Protein backbone atom coordinates (compact mmCIF):
# COMPACT_ATOMS: atom_id res chain seq x y z
CA MET A 1 67.51 260.56 -25.30
CA SER A 2 69.46 260.02 -28.52
CA GLU A 3 72.80 261.78 -30.18
CA ALA A 4 70.62 263.58 -32.45
CA THR A 5 68.87 265.57 -29.53
CA THR A 6 71.34 266.01 -27.13
CA SER A 7 74.53 267.01 -29.53
CA ALA A 8 72.96 270.07 -30.49
CA ALA A 9 74.78 272.47 -28.02
CA ASP A 10 78.14 270.92 -29.27
CA VAL A 11 79.82 273.68 -31.33
CA ARG A 12 79.61 272.61 -34.63
CA ILE A 13 80.63 272.98 -38.46
CA PRO A 14 78.84 272.03 -41.51
CA THR A 15 79.69 268.90 -43.25
CA ALA A 16 81.96 269.63 -46.21
CA ALA A 17 84.91 268.47 -48.45
CA SER A 18 87.47 267.00 -45.88
CA VAL A 19 90.63 268.79 -45.68
CA PRO A 20 93.32 266.39 -44.95
CA ALA A 21 93.49 265.38 -41.57
CA HIS A 22 97.48 266.36 -40.86
CA ARG A 23 96.73 269.78 -42.02
CA ASP A 24 93.23 270.48 -40.29
CA ALA A 25 93.29 272.78 -37.30
CA ASN A 26 90.30 271.14 -35.93
CA VAL A 27 91.95 267.55 -35.86
CA LEU A 28 95.24 268.87 -34.73
CA ARG A 29 93.64 270.62 -31.81
CA TRP A 30 91.90 267.26 -30.86
CA ILE A 31 95.25 265.21 -31.24
CA GLY A 32 96.92 267.83 -29.16
CA ALA A 33 94.37 267.08 -26.44
CA TYR A 34 94.41 263.49 -26.98
CA THR A 35 98.15 263.30 -26.45
CA ALA A 36 98.33 265.55 -23.42
CA SER A 37 95.64 263.09 -21.82
CA MET A 38 97.50 260.42 -22.64
CA VAL A 39 100.96 261.61 -21.21
CA GLY A 40 99.05 262.69 -18.20
CA ASP A 41 97.93 259.13 -18.04
CA MET A 42 101.28 257.63 -18.33
CA VAL A 43 102.39 259.72 -15.27
CA PHE A 44 99.51 259.06 -13.52
CA PHE A 45 100.21 255.39 -13.58
CA LEU A 46 103.66 255.34 -12.60
CA ALA A 47 102.85 257.95 -9.88
CA LEU A 48 100.29 255.30 -8.83
CA SER A 49 102.46 252.61 -8.95
CA TRP A 50 105.26 254.33 -7.11
CA ALA A 51 102.90 255.53 -4.04
CA ALA A 52 101.50 252.23 -3.73
CA VAL A 53 104.99 250.59 -3.48
CA GLN A 54 105.87 253.08 -0.95
CA ASN A 55 102.59 252.64 1.32
CA GLY A 56 102.48 249.10 1.19
CA THR A 57 103.71 245.47 0.32
CA PRO A 58 104.41 244.25 -3.30
CA ALA A 59 101.08 242.42 -3.58
CA GLN A 60 99.13 245.32 -2.10
CA ALA A 61 100.86 247.54 -4.61
CA GLY A 62 99.59 245.13 -7.36
CA LEU A 63 96.22 244.94 -6.37
CA VAL A 64 96.12 248.95 -6.31
CA THR A 65 97.62 249.21 -9.85
CA ALA A 66 94.72 246.61 -10.95
CA VAL A 67 91.92 247.44 -9.23
CA SER A 68 91.04 250.24 -11.99
CA ALA A 69 90.55 247.30 -14.49
CA VAL A 70 87.39 246.00 -12.93
CA PRO A 71 85.22 249.20 -13.18
CA ARG A 72 86.51 249.81 -16.68
CA ALA A 73 85.46 246.06 -17.75
CA LEU A 74 82.49 245.98 -16.16
CA LEU A 75 81.14 249.35 -16.98
CA MET A 76 82.57 250.41 -20.37
CA LEU A 77 79.46 249.12 -22.83
CA GLY A 78 77.18 251.06 -20.44
CA GLY A 79 80.08 253.98 -21.25
CA GLY A 80 79.23 253.28 -24.83
CA VAL A 81 75.74 254.06 -24.52
CA VAL A 82 76.45 257.01 -22.81
CA ALA A 83 78.76 258.63 -25.46
CA ASP A 84 76.58 257.80 -28.16
CA ARG A 85 73.49 259.06 -25.98
CA LEU A 86 75.10 262.43 -25.05
CA GLY A 87 77.58 262.75 -27.73
CA PRO A 88 80.88 261.94 -27.56
CA ARG A 89 82.52 265.56 -27.20
CA ARG A 90 80.95 266.44 -23.99
CA VAL A 91 81.35 262.87 -22.60
CA VAL A 92 85.18 263.31 -23.16
CA ILE A 93 85.00 266.93 -22.20
CA GLY A 94 83.58 265.90 -18.81
CA SER A 95 85.56 262.99 -18.24
CA ASP A 96 88.65 264.68 -18.42
CA THR A 97 87.69 267.33 -16.31
CA VAL A 98 86.75 264.68 -13.62
CA ARG A 99 90.14 263.22 -13.94
CA CYS A 100 91.97 266.39 -13.84
CA VAL A 101 90.28 267.32 -10.67
CA THR A 102 90.22 264.06 -8.78
CA VAL A 103 94.04 263.59 -9.59
CA LEU A 104 94.83 267.06 -8.32
CA ALA A 105 92.77 266.66 -5.15
CA VAL A 106 94.83 263.57 -4.12
CA ALA A 107 98.12 265.56 -4.88
CA ALA A 108 96.95 268.11 -2.60
CA VAL A 109 96.24 265.86 0.08
CA LEU A 110 99.47 263.66 -0.31
CA PHE A 111 101.10 267.15 -0.12
CA ALA A 112 99.41 267.46 3.65
CA ALA A 113 99.25 264.21 4.88
CA ASP A 114 99.85 260.56 4.35
CA PRO A 115 96.46 258.67 4.31
CA GLY A 116 97.73 255.08 2.86
CA LEU A 117 96.51 252.79 0.55
CA TRP A 118 93.00 253.40 0.91
CA LEU A 119 93.21 256.50 -0.91
CA LEU A 120 95.26 255.46 -3.77
CA ALA A 121 92.90 252.55 -4.41
CA LEU A 122 89.90 254.74 -4.26
CA LEU A 123 91.69 257.01 -6.91
CA ALA A 124 92.21 254.04 -8.86
CA VAL A 125 88.69 253.03 -8.96
CA VAL A 126 87.83 256.72 -9.91
CA PHE A 127 90.06 256.74 -12.97
CA GLY A 128 88.94 253.14 -14.16
CA THR A 129 85.06 254.42 -13.77
CA VAL A 130 85.82 257.27 -15.60
CA ASP A 131 87.90 255.44 -18.30
CA ALA A 132 84.79 253.66 -18.85
CA VAL A 133 83.00 256.43 -20.30
CA PHE A 134 85.94 258.40 -21.50
CA MET A 135 87.39 255.36 -23.92
CA PRO A 136 84.07 254.94 -25.55
CA ALA A 137 83.72 258.46 -26.56
CA VAL A 138 87.25 259.00 -27.94
CA GLY A 139 86.83 256.16 -30.09
CA ALA A 140 83.49 257.78 -31.51
CA LEU A 141 85.01 261.40 -31.83
CA PRO A 142 86.79 261.41 -34.92
CA ALA A 143 83.97 260.81 -37.01
CA ARG A 144 82.47 264.05 -35.93
CA ILE A 145 85.61 266.02 -36.73
CA THR A 146 86.68 265.08 -39.99
CA GLY A 147 85.27 263.33 -43.12
CA LYS A 148 85.17 259.30 -43.49
CA ASP A 149 88.04 259.69 -46.05
CA GLN A 150 90.59 261.08 -43.49
CA LEU A 151 89.39 258.65 -40.45
CA ALA A 152 92.33 256.33 -41.29
CA ARG A 153 94.77 258.90 -41.37
CA VAL A 154 93.40 260.30 -38.01
CA GLN A 155 93.83 256.87 -37.09
CA GLY A 156 97.37 256.82 -37.97
CA MET A 157 97.90 260.14 -35.99
CA ARG A 158 96.23 258.91 -33.15
CA GLY A 159 98.84 255.93 -33.15
CA LEU A 160 101.54 258.42 -33.00
CA ALA A 161 100.40 260.11 -30.27
CA ILE A 162 100.21 256.87 -27.95
CA ARG A 163 103.40 256.49 -29.01
CA PHE A 164 104.59 259.46 -28.22
CA ALA A 165 103.04 259.35 -24.62
CA ALA A 166 104.57 255.70 -24.00
CA VAL A 167 108.19 257.31 -24.80
CA VAL A 168 107.77 260.58 -22.89
CA GLY A 169 105.23 259.92 -20.49
CA ALA A 170 107.40 257.65 -18.24
CA PRO A 171 110.51 259.97 -17.92
CA LEU A 172 108.27 262.74 -17.11
CA GLY A 173 106.72 260.66 -14.60
CA GLY A 174 109.97 259.56 -13.07
CA LEU A 175 111.28 263.20 -13.06
CA GLY A 176 108.14 264.22 -11.22
CA VAL A 177 108.97 261.44 -8.35
CA ALA A 178 112.47 262.51 -8.26
CA VAL A 179 111.54 266.25 -7.82
CA GLY A 180 108.73 266.01 -5.43
CA GLY A 181 107.43 262.16 -4.92
CA ALA A 182 104.55 261.17 -5.76
CA ALA A 183 102.43 263.97 -4.68
CA ALA A 184 104.64 265.99 -7.35
CA ALA A 185 103.95 263.24 -9.87
CA PHE A 186 100.28 263.33 -9.63
CA ALA A 187 99.91 267.19 -9.63
CA PHE A 188 101.94 267.06 -12.94
CA ALA A 189 99.77 264.33 -14.13
CA GLY A 190 96.72 266.41 -13.45
CA LEU A 191 98.13 269.68 -15.31
CA LEU A 192 98.79 267.62 -18.55
CA ILE A 193 95.35 266.63 -18.24
CA ALA A 194 93.82 270.06 -17.98
CA VAL A 195 95.63 271.21 -21.12
CA SER A 196 93.48 268.91 -22.98
CA VAL A 197 90.16 270.27 -21.45
CA PRO A 198 90.39 273.88 -23.04
CA LEU A 199 91.51 272.27 -26.43
CA LEU A 200 88.84 269.95 -26.30
CA ILE A 201 86.30 272.48 -25.70
CA SER A 202 87.58 274.55 -29.13
CA VAL A 203 87.10 271.33 -31.09
CA ARG A 204 83.97 271.87 -33.48
CA MET A 205 81.89 269.33 -34.36
CA ARG A 206 80.61 268.39 -38.04
CA ASP A 207 76.89 267.58 -38.71
CA LEU A 208 76.17 263.92 -39.12
CA PRO A 209 73.81 262.91 -42.06
CA ALA A 210 70.19 262.41 -41.66
CA ASP A 211 70.49 258.67 -41.76
CA ASP A 212 73.25 258.31 -39.69
CA ALA A 213 72.15 260.97 -36.78
CA SER A 214 68.80 259.13 -36.68
CA ALA A 215 69.83 255.60 -37.03
CA ALA A 216 70.14 254.75 -33.21
CA ARG A 217 67.26 256.32 -31.69
CA GLU A 218 66.25 253.78 -28.78
CA THR A 219 63.64 254.65 -25.94
CA THR A 220 65.83 253.55 -22.84
CA ALA A 221 69.41 252.97 -22.38
CA TRP A 222 69.25 249.23 -21.98
CA ARG A 223 67.67 248.98 -25.61
CA ASP A 224 70.48 251.22 -26.60
CA LEU A 225 72.65 249.02 -25.03
CA VAL A 226 71.12 245.66 -26.62
CA GLY A 227 70.63 247.51 -29.86
CA GLY A 228 74.20 248.32 -30.35
CA LEU A 229 75.34 244.51 -29.52
CA ARG A 230 73.17 243.61 -32.25
CA TYR A 231 74.52 245.93 -34.70
CA VAL A 232 77.73 244.66 -34.12
CA ARG A 233 76.68 241.30 -34.38
CA ARG A 234 74.84 241.46 -37.57
CA HIS A 235 77.08 243.57 -39.47
CA ARG A 236 79.25 241.72 -42.24
CA VAL A 237 82.03 243.47 -41.44
CA LEU A 238 82.13 244.38 -37.89
CA GLY A 239 81.23 241.28 -36.31
CA PRO A 240 83.75 238.94 -37.95
CA LEU A 241 86.21 241.99 -37.50
CA MET A 242 85.56 241.78 -33.64
CA VAL A 243 86.49 237.89 -33.63
CA ALA A 244 89.56 238.56 -35.15
CA ILE A 245 90.69 241.36 -32.86
CA ALA A 246 89.73 239.47 -30.24
CA LEU A 247 91.75 236.09 -31.32
CA GLY A 248 94.86 238.51 -32.35
CA ASP A 249 95.15 240.14 -28.90
CA LEU A 250 94.26 236.71 -27.00
CA GLY A 251 97.70 235.76 -28.60
CA PHE A 252 99.82 238.61 -28.70
CA VAL A 253 99.02 240.22 -25.13
CA GLY A 254 100.62 237.24 -23.23
CA PRO A 255 103.88 236.94 -25.22
CA LEU A 256 104.48 240.59 -25.67
CA ASN A 257 103.95 241.23 -21.71
CA VAL A 258 104.76 238.73 -19.14
CA GLY A 259 106.29 236.18 -21.64
CA LEU A 260 108.81 238.74 -22.87
CA THR A 261 109.83 239.03 -19.16
CA LEU A 262 110.05 235.75 -18.61
CA LEU A 263 111.93 235.35 -22.08
CA ALA A 264 114.39 238.02 -21.08
CA ASP A 265 115.21 236.20 -17.98
CA GLU A 266 115.46 233.14 -19.61
CA ARG A 267 118.21 234.18 -22.21
CA GLY A 268 120.17 236.38 -19.53
CA TRP A 269 119.34 239.46 -21.20
CA GLY A 270 118.06 241.31 -18.45
CA ALA A 271 115.87 244.13 -17.92
CA SER A 272 118.04 246.33 -20.30
CA GLY A 273 117.76 243.79 -22.81
CA MET A 274 113.86 243.48 -22.60
CA GLY A 275 113.70 246.99 -22.83
CA TRP A 276 115.43 247.13 -26.00
CA VAL A 277 113.28 244.38 -27.45
CA LEU A 278 110.28 246.67 -25.91
CA ALA A 279 112.02 249.68 -28.00
CA GLY A 280 111.91 247.73 -31.32
CA PHE A 281 108.33 246.70 -30.91
CA GLY A 282 107.19 250.53 -30.37
CA THR A 283 109.49 251.36 -33.42
CA GLY A 284 108.04 248.77 -35.60
CA ALA A 285 104.02 249.82 -34.45
CA GLY A 286 105.43 253.59 -34.88
CA VAL A 287 106.28 253.46 -38.03
CA ALA A 288 102.95 251.53 -39.16
CA ALA A 289 101.32 254.70 -37.72
CA LEU A 290 103.23 256.90 -39.48
CA LEU A 291 102.84 255.21 -42.75
CA LEU A 292 98.99 255.35 -42.65
CA THR A 293 99.13 259.52 -41.45
CA VAL A 294 101.33 259.85 -44.46
CA ARG A 295 99.41 257.51 -47.08
CA GLY A 296 95.91 258.22 -45.16
CA ARG A 297 94.54 255.34 -47.44
CA LEU A 298 95.82 251.69 -48.24
CA PRO A 299 93.63 249.93 -50.64
CA ARG A 300 92.25 246.31 -49.95
CA ALA A 301 92.36 247.82 -46.56
CA GLY A 302 90.55 243.88 -45.11
CA CYS A 303 93.08 241.99 -46.66
CA VAL A 304 95.84 244.22 -45.45
CA ALA A 305 94.34 244.28 -41.73
CA ALA A 306 93.87 240.59 -41.95
CA GLY A 307 96.75 239.43 -44.22
CA SER A 308 99.55 241.32 -42.17
CA ILE A 309 97.86 239.49 -38.87
CA ILE A 310 99.17 236.12 -40.01
CA PRO A 311 102.94 236.97 -40.70
CA GLY A 312 103.09 238.96 -37.70
CA ALA A 313 102.05 235.94 -35.57
CA ALA A 314 104.77 233.92 -36.92
CA ALA A 315 107.29 236.73 -35.96
CA ILE A 316 105.67 236.17 -32.51
CA ALA A 317 106.46 232.43 -32.76
CA ALA A 318 109.97 233.36 -33.80
CA LEU A 319 110.66 235.78 -31.09
CA ALA A 320 111.32 232.57 -28.60
CA HIS A 321 113.57 231.01 -31.15
CA ALA A 322 116.01 234.04 -31.33
CA PRO A 323 119.70 233.07 -31.16
CA GLY A 324 120.64 236.45 -29.48
CA LEU A 325 119.51 239.65 -28.60
CA PRO A 326 120.03 241.90 -31.90
CA VAL A 327 117.91 239.26 -33.54
CA ALA A 328 114.96 239.73 -31.10
CA VAL A 329 115.12 243.24 -31.30
CA GLY A 330 115.17 243.06 -35.15
CA THR A 331 112.18 240.19 -34.81
CA ALA A 332 110.16 242.75 -32.35
CA VAL A 333 110.67 245.41 -35.01
CA LEU A 334 108.98 243.26 -37.71
CA VAL A 335 106.07 242.21 -34.79
CA GLY A 336 105.33 245.98 -34.15
CA LEU A 337 105.26 246.90 -37.81
CA LEU A 338 102.73 244.21 -38.85
CA THR A 339 100.75 243.80 -35.46
CA GLY A 340 100.81 247.54 -35.65
CA LEU A 341 99.77 248.04 -39.54
CA SER A 342 97.06 245.37 -38.63
CA GLY A 343 95.63 247.04 -35.46
CA ALA A 344 95.81 250.24 -37.01
CA MET A 345 94.00 249.02 -40.16
CA CYS A 346 91.19 247.05 -38.02
CA GLY A 347 90.62 250.39 -36.28
CA ALA A 348 90.66 252.60 -39.32
CA LEU A 349 87.81 250.10 -40.65
CA LEU A 350 85.85 250.34 -37.35
CA GLN A 351 85.77 254.15 -37.27
CA THR A 352 84.60 253.91 -41.33
CA GLN A 353 82.43 250.94 -41.38
CA SER A 354 80.35 251.92 -38.31
CA ASP A 355 77.22 254.29 -38.33
CA PRO A 356 78.48 257.08 -36.51
CA ALA A 357 75.48 257.04 -34.23
CA TYR A 358 76.88 253.68 -33.07
CA LEU A 359 80.65 254.46 -32.67
CA GLY A 360 80.70 254.91 -28.80
CA ARG A 361 79.12 250.83 -28.51
CA VAL A 362 81.13 249.81 -31.27
CA THR A 363 84.36 251.19 -29.69
CA ALA A 364 83.06 250.11 -26.03
CA VAL A 365 82.71 246.53 -27.79
CA GLY A 366 86.48 246.60 -29.09
CA GLY A 367 87.65 248.18 -25.67
CA ILE A 368 86.15 245.00 -23.84
CA VAL A 369 87.47 242.56 -26.18
CA SER A 370 91.24 244.15 -25.65
CA LEU A 371 90.93 245.50 -21.98
CA GLY A 372 88.71 242.54 -20.59
CA ILE A 373 89.54 239.49 -22.48
CA ALA A 374 92.64 239.84 -23.97
CA PRO A 375 94.62 240.37 -20.15
CA LEU A 376 93.41 237.20 -19.06
CA SER A 377 95.84 235.54 -21.42
CA MET A 378 98.63 236.84 -19.37
CA PRO A 379 98.48 234.74 -15.85
CA LEU A 380 97.71 231.82 -18.15
CA SER A 381 100.64 232.54 -20.32
CA ALA A 382 102.97 232.87 -17.22
CA ALA A 383 101.78 229.45 -15.83
CA ALA A 384 102.16 227.89 -19.07
CA ILE A 385 105.60 228.90 -19.56
CA GLY A 386 106.64 227.18 -16.25
CA VAL A 387 105.30 223.99 -17.20
CA TRP A 388 106.57 224.01 -21.01
CA GLY A 389 108.88 226.94 -21.37
CA THR A 390 108.71 230.10 -23.80
CA GLY A 391 108.85 228.04 -27.52
CA PRO A 392 105.94 225.97 -26.96
CA VAL A 393 103.84 228.88 -25.40
CA PHE A 394 104.80 231.40 -27.96
CA ALA A 395 104.09 229.17 -30.55
CA VAL A 396 100.64 228.54 -29.44
CA SER A 397 100.01 231.97 -28.64
CA ALA A 398 101.05 232.76 -32.29
CA ALA A 399 98.68 230.20 -33.83
CA VAL A 400 95.76 231.81 -31.97
CA CYS A 401 96.75 235.36 -32.95
CA GLY A 402 97.18 234.02 -36.29
CA LEU A 403 93.69 232.14 -36.68
CA GLY A 404 92.33 235.77 -36.11
CA GLY A 405 94.03 236.41 -39.21
CA VAL A 406 92.50 233.32 -40.94
CA VAL A 407 89.02 234.36 -39.55
CA ALA A 408 88.97 237.84 -41.37
CA LEU A 409 90.49 236.43 -44.36
CA CYS A 410 87.43 234.10 -44.37
CA ALA A 411 84.86 236.92 -43.86
CA PRO A 412 83.62 237.94 -47.37
CA GLY A 413 82.74 241.64 -45.77
CA VAL A 414 85.98 241.96 -44.24
CA ARG A 415 87.87 240.68 -46.99
CA ARG A 416 86.53 242.92 -49.35
CA ALA A 417 86.22 246.26 -46.79
CA GLU A 418 88.00 248.98 -48.41
CA LEU A 419 88.48 252.63 -46.79
CA PRO A 420 86.81 255.63 -48.28
CA LYS A 421 88.60 257.48 -50.73
């Protein structure tokens, strides 16, 4: 069963001239739902970490918080198939409903008893499993709610929502824990996710062009999966762009996570100094998202996406040699701006270059790259820093990241790619 035959039950609007996304009530309802869900996620993960620490050893707490990544990585390609076969709108609604009910049920159990780590581990596994279908569906949905010429602006709006959730979610989670412990924080997370469900139900879908709607009609889920991978591999833009994204994330994730912690400790900046550096990065990335939201389109998108990776990589290498905290914060702003711009443009190109019938699977492949492959660099970076120090490891990471830009620039399809007008 394909997207063309299953999405008829979705609320639909005819394809027409695009309204600017930031003025489109339909898009704004989706952004509101997405923001509420992301803030709920942030509160959830803080509550999960707190409850795990209170109920076990640090090592056990680490396992509980990390276990959700396993089903997410293993099942995400299948989640992309589900999103394309059933339609992203109903998959997102169903996923958020399951997450909401599960988190509220756990909150109720914690209010009544203290079941220990097993319930928290089960909750993490359920969340990771649901995320495996939720994330591809979220990536496939924008193409159904606005025109192609507005997808870059929607990508910028989505980036702003992510930055908002990162800034607001942790304090809200901390407030929930302070007021009523982990149970209250879980309840708060569930209510925030619940806010997204009626908003998602009110989102209307656009009709897809006939060739798009029928492009991926396969007879079985397995053939859908193989067809999606083949589609990405053979696409003149998506194939090399996925390689560039993989290299960029491999070089970026290690230094900006565990590497930054070790750098702050080495330089004596402390936790507050590390927080300032992270804030600088978030500010730069937020400015990049805002730029795309306001402009809606940047010319020579492929060149911008590829070209901004290379100076961003150089800024990553420079971060390890910053003479003091103020310079490090300024460098982090530059890293956030350049890598944020590159990431937003890559996301916009994935949205606009993909046939909508394949977007769930394309998003799943990108998610596997970012969430499955890139995190492997964190333990490797930590071990390497222990042997060679921060400077050489940041330099190697920057070279890997910059190589992603080189790959993209050497691919004619990416280099010439443009966003729709």
